[in-house]
Amino acid sequence: DEAEREGRAVFQVDGEMIDAPLIAQAERILDRAPDADR
């Protein structure tokens, strides 16, 4: 959220580079996760 507000396209978490496509992929996975129990 902070990086997005500041207009940064890439940031680091625990030494890993995080960018918009990676975030979008993670959000899609999390959106589908509740269906995985079925």
PDB file of N, CA and C in Angstrom:
ATOM      1  N   ASP A   1       0.818  -1.195   0.000  1.00  0.00           N
ATOM      2  CA  ASP A   1       0.000   0.000   0.000  1.00  0.00           C
ATOM      3  C   ASP A   1       0.861   1.258   0.000  1.00  0.00           C
ATOM      4  N   GLU A   2       1.894   1.256   0.827  1.00  0.00           N
ATOM      5  CA  GLU A   2       2.772   2.426   0.898  1.00  0.00           C
ATOM      6  C   GLU A   2       3.477   2.665  -0.426  1.00  0.00           C
ATOM      7  N   ALA A   3       4.004   1.598  -1.021  1.00  0.00           N
ATOM      8  CA  ALA A   3       4.700   1.738  -2.302  1.00  0.00           C
ATOM      9  C   ALA A   3       3.752   2.240  -3.380  1.00  0.00           C
ATOM     10  N   GLU A   4       2.526   1.749  -3.365  1.00  0.00           N
ATOM     11  CA  GLU A   4       1.543   2.179  -4.359  1.00  0.00           C
ATOM     12  C   GLU A   4       1.222   3.664  -4.191  1.00  0.00           C
ATOM     13  N   ARG A   5       1.038   4.094  -2.953  1.00  0.00           N
ATOM     14  CA  ARG A   5       0.749   5.515  -2.696  1.00  0.00           C
ATOM     15  C   ARG A   5       1.892   6.409  -3.163  1.00  0.00           C
ATOM     16  N   GLU A   6       3.116   5.910  -3.014  1.00  0.00           N
ATOM     17  CA  GLU A   6       4.294   6.692  -3.394  1.00  0.00           C
ATOM     18  C   GLU A   6       4.621   6.571  -4.879  1.00  0.00           C
ATOM     19  N   GLY A   7       3.869   5.756  -5.604  1.00  0.00           N
ATOM     20  CA  GLY A   7       4.074   5.621  -7.038  1.00  0.00           C
ATOM     21  C   GLY A   7       5.222   4.712  -7.429  1.00  0.00           C
ATOM     22  N   ARG A   8       5.683   3.899  -6.501  1.00  0.00           N
ATOM     23  CA  ARG A   8       6.763   2.959  -6.823  1.00  0.00           C
ATOM     24  C   ARG A   8       6.170   1.712  -7.458  1.00  0.00           C
ATOM     25  N   ALA A   9       6.797   1.233  -8.528  1.00  0.00           N
ATOM     26  CA  ALA A   9       6.294   0.059  -9.238  1.00  0.00           C
ATOM     27  C   ALA A   9       6.844  -1.238  -8.653  1.00  0.00           C
ATOM     28  N   VAL A  10       7.987  -1.158  -7.988  1.00  0.00           N
ATOM     29  CA  VAL A  10       8.642  -2.343  -7.448  1.00  0.00           C
ATOM     30  C   VAL A  10       9.134  -2.021  -6.046  1.00  0.00           C
ATOM     31  N   PHE A  11       9.031  -3.013  -5.152  1.00  0.00           N
ATOM     32  CA  PHE A  11       9.574  -2.845  -3.813  1.00  0.00           C
ATOM     33  C   PHE A  11      10.073  -4.194  -3.325  1.00  0.00           C
ATOM     34  N   GLN A  12      10.726  -4.213  -2.175  1.00  0.00           N
ATOM     35  CA  GLN A  12      11.299  -5.446  -1.645  1.00  0.00           C
ATOM     36  C   GLN A  12      10.605  -5.861  -0.358  1.00  0.00           C
ATOM     37  N   VAL A  13      10.428  -7.179  -0.218  1.00  0.00           N
ATOM     38  CA  VAL A  13       9.946  -7.777   1.021  1.00  0.00           C
ATOM     39  C   VAL A  13      10.869  -8.949   1.320  1.00  0.00           C
ATOM     40  N   ASP A  14      11.530  -8.913   2.449  1.00  0.00           N
ATOM     41  CA  ASP A  14      12.469  -9.971   2.834  1.00  0.00           C
ATOM     42  C   ASP A  14      13.467 -10.268   1.723  1.00  0.00           C
ATOM     43  N   GLY A  15      13.938  -9.233   1.043  1.00  0.00           N
ATOM     44  CA  GLY A  15      14.934  -9.388   0.002  1.00  0.00           C
ATOM     45  C   GLY A  15      14.393  -9.819  -1.351  1.00  0.00           C
ATOM     46  N   GLU A  16      13.089 -10.027  -1.462  1.00  0.00           N
ATOM     47  CA  GLU A  16      12.466 -10.436  -2.726  1.00  0.00           C
ATOM     48  C   GLU A  16      11.833  -9.234  -3.403  1.00  0.00           C
ATOM     49  N   MET A  17      12.032  -9.126  -4.722  1.00  0.00           N
ATOM     50  CA  MET A  17      11.442  -8.030  -5.482  1.00  0.00           C
ATOM     51  C   MET A  17       9.965  -8.331  -5.736  1.00  0.00           C
ATOM     52  N   ILE A  18       9.117  -7.367  -5.428  1.00  0.00           N
ATOM     53  CA  ILE A  18       7.673  -7.506  -5.596  1.00  0.00           C
ATOM     54  C   ILE A  18       7.208  -6.435  -6.570  1.00  0.00           C
ATOM     55  N   ASP A  19       6.458  -6.845  -7.616  1.00  0.00           N
ATOM     56  CA  ASP A  19       5.940  -5.870  -8.578  1.00  0.00           C
ATOM     57  C   ASP A  19       4.453  -6.129  -8.818  1.00  0.00           C
ATOM     58  N   ALA A  20       3.826  -5.266  -9.588  1.00  0.00           N
ATOM     59  CA  ALA A  20       2.375  -5.326  -9.796  1.00  0.00           C
ATOM     60  C   ALA A  20       1.891  -6.674 -10.346  1.00  0.00           C
ATOM     61  N   PRO A  21       2.554  -7.267 -11.347  1.00  0.00           N
ATOM     62  CA  PRO A  21       2.071  -8.564 -11.840  1.00  0.00           C
ATOM     63  C   PRO A  21       2.104  -9.661 -10.767  1.00  0.00           C
ATOM     64  N   LEU A  22       3.103  -9.626  -9.907  1.00  0.00           N
ATOM     65  CA  LEU A  22       3.183 -10.624  -8.837  1.00  0.00           C
ATOM     66  C   LEU A  22       2.047 -10.427  -7.837  1.00  0.00           C
ATOM     67  N   ILE A  23       1.746  -9.185  -7.513  1.00  0.00           N
ATOM     68  CA  ILE A  23       0.638  -8.889  -6.599  1.00  0.00           C
ATOM     69  C   ILE A  23      -0.686  -9.337  -7.215  1.00  0.00           C
ATOM     70  N   ALA A  24      -0.890  -9.061  -8.493  1.00  0.00           N
ATOM     71  CA  ALA A  24      -2.127  -9.464  -9.171  1.00  0.00           C
ATOM     72  C   ALA A  24      -2.280 -10.984  -9.149  1.00  0.00           C
ATOM     73  N   GLN A  25      -1.195 -11.700  -9.386  1.00  0.00           N
ATOM     74  CA  GLN A  25      -1.239 -13.164  -9.361  1.00  0.00           C
ATOM     75  C   GLN A  25      -1.599 -13.661  -7.961  1.00  0.00           C
ATOM     76  N   ALA A  26      -0.989 -13.091  -6.942  1.00  0.00           N
ATOM     77  CA  ALA A  26      -1.282 -13.495  -5.567  1.00  0.00           C
ATOM     78  C   ALA A  26      -2.740 -13.220  -5.214  1.00  0.00           C
ATOM     79  N   GLU A  27      -3.266 -12.086  -5.657  1.00  0.00           N
ATOM     80  CA  GLU A  27      -4.671 -11.759  -5.380  1.00  0.00           C
ATOM     81  C   GLU A  27      -5.615 -12.755  -6.047  1.00  0.00           C
ATOM     82  N   ARG A  28      -5.294 -13.174  -7.278  1.00  0.00           N
ATOM     83  CA  ARG A  28      -6.131 -14.168  -7.963  1.00  0.00           C
ATOM     84  C   ARG A  28      -6.125 -15.497  -7.210  1.00  0.00           C
ATOM     85  N   ILE A  29      -4.966 -15.887  -6.722  1.00  0.00           N
ATOM     86  CA  ILE A  29      -4.858 -17.136  -5.960  1.00  0.00           C
ATOM     87  C   ILE A  29      -5.681 -17.043  -4.678  1.00  0.00           C
ATOM     88  N   LEU A  30      -5.557 -15.929  -3.976  1.00  0.00           N
ATOM     89  CA  LEU A  30      -6.309 -15.762  -2.732  1.00  0.00           C
ATOM     90  C   LEU A  30      -7.806 -15.710  -2.978  1.00  0.00           C
ATOM     91  N   ASP A  31      -8.215 -15.127  -4.099  1.00  0.00           N
ATOM     92  CA  ASP A  31      -9.637 -15.083  -4.439  1.00  0.00           C
ATOM     93  C   ASP A  31     -10.202 -16.485  -4.654  1.00  0.00           C
ATOM     94  N   ARG A  32      -9.379 -17.382  -5.200  1.00  0.00           N
ATOM     95  CA  ARG A  32      -9.835 -18.749  -5.487  1.00  0.00           C
ATOM     96  C   ARG A  32      -9.658 -19.695  -4.302  1.00  0.00           C
ATOM     97  N   ALA A  33      -8.887 -19.316  -3.317  1.00  0.00           N
ATOM     98  CA  ALA A  33      -8.558 -20.198  -2.194  1.00  0.00           C
ATOM     99  C   ALA A  33      -9.777 -20.763  -1.475  1.00  0.00           C
ATOM    100  N   PRO A  34     -10.826 -19.983  -1.207  1.00  0.00           N
ATOM    101  CA  PRO A  34     -11.986 -20.565  -0.509  1.00  0.00           C
ATOM    102  C   PRO A  34     -12.617 -21.725  -1.283  1.00  0.00           C
ATOM    103  N   ASP A  35     -12.529 -21.711  -2.594  1.00  0.00           N
ATOM    104  CA  ASP A  35     -13.095 -22.783  -3.412  1.00  0.00           C
ATOM    105  C   ASP A  35     -12.254 -24.057  -3.369  1.00  0.00           C
ATOM    106  N   ALA A  36     -11.021 -23.978  -2.908  1.00  0.00           N
ATOM    107  CA  ALA A  36     -10.121 -25.131  -2.891  1.00  0.00           C
ATOM    108  C   ALA A  36     -10.562 -26.185  -1.882  1.00  0.00           C
ATOM    109  N   ASP A  37     -11.341 -25.799  -0.902  1.00  0.00           N
ATOM    110  CA  ASP A  37     -11.816 -26.742   0.111  1.00  0.00           C
ATOM    111  C   ASP A  37     -12.888 -27.682  -0.414  1.00  0.00           C
ATOM    112  N   ARG A  38     -13.497 -27.339  -1.492  1.00  0.00           N
ATOM    113  CA  ARG A  38     -14.636 -28.119  -1.997  1.00  0.00           C
ATOM    114  C   ARG A  38     -14.229 -29.338  -2.758  1.00  0.00           C
TER     115      ARG A  38
END
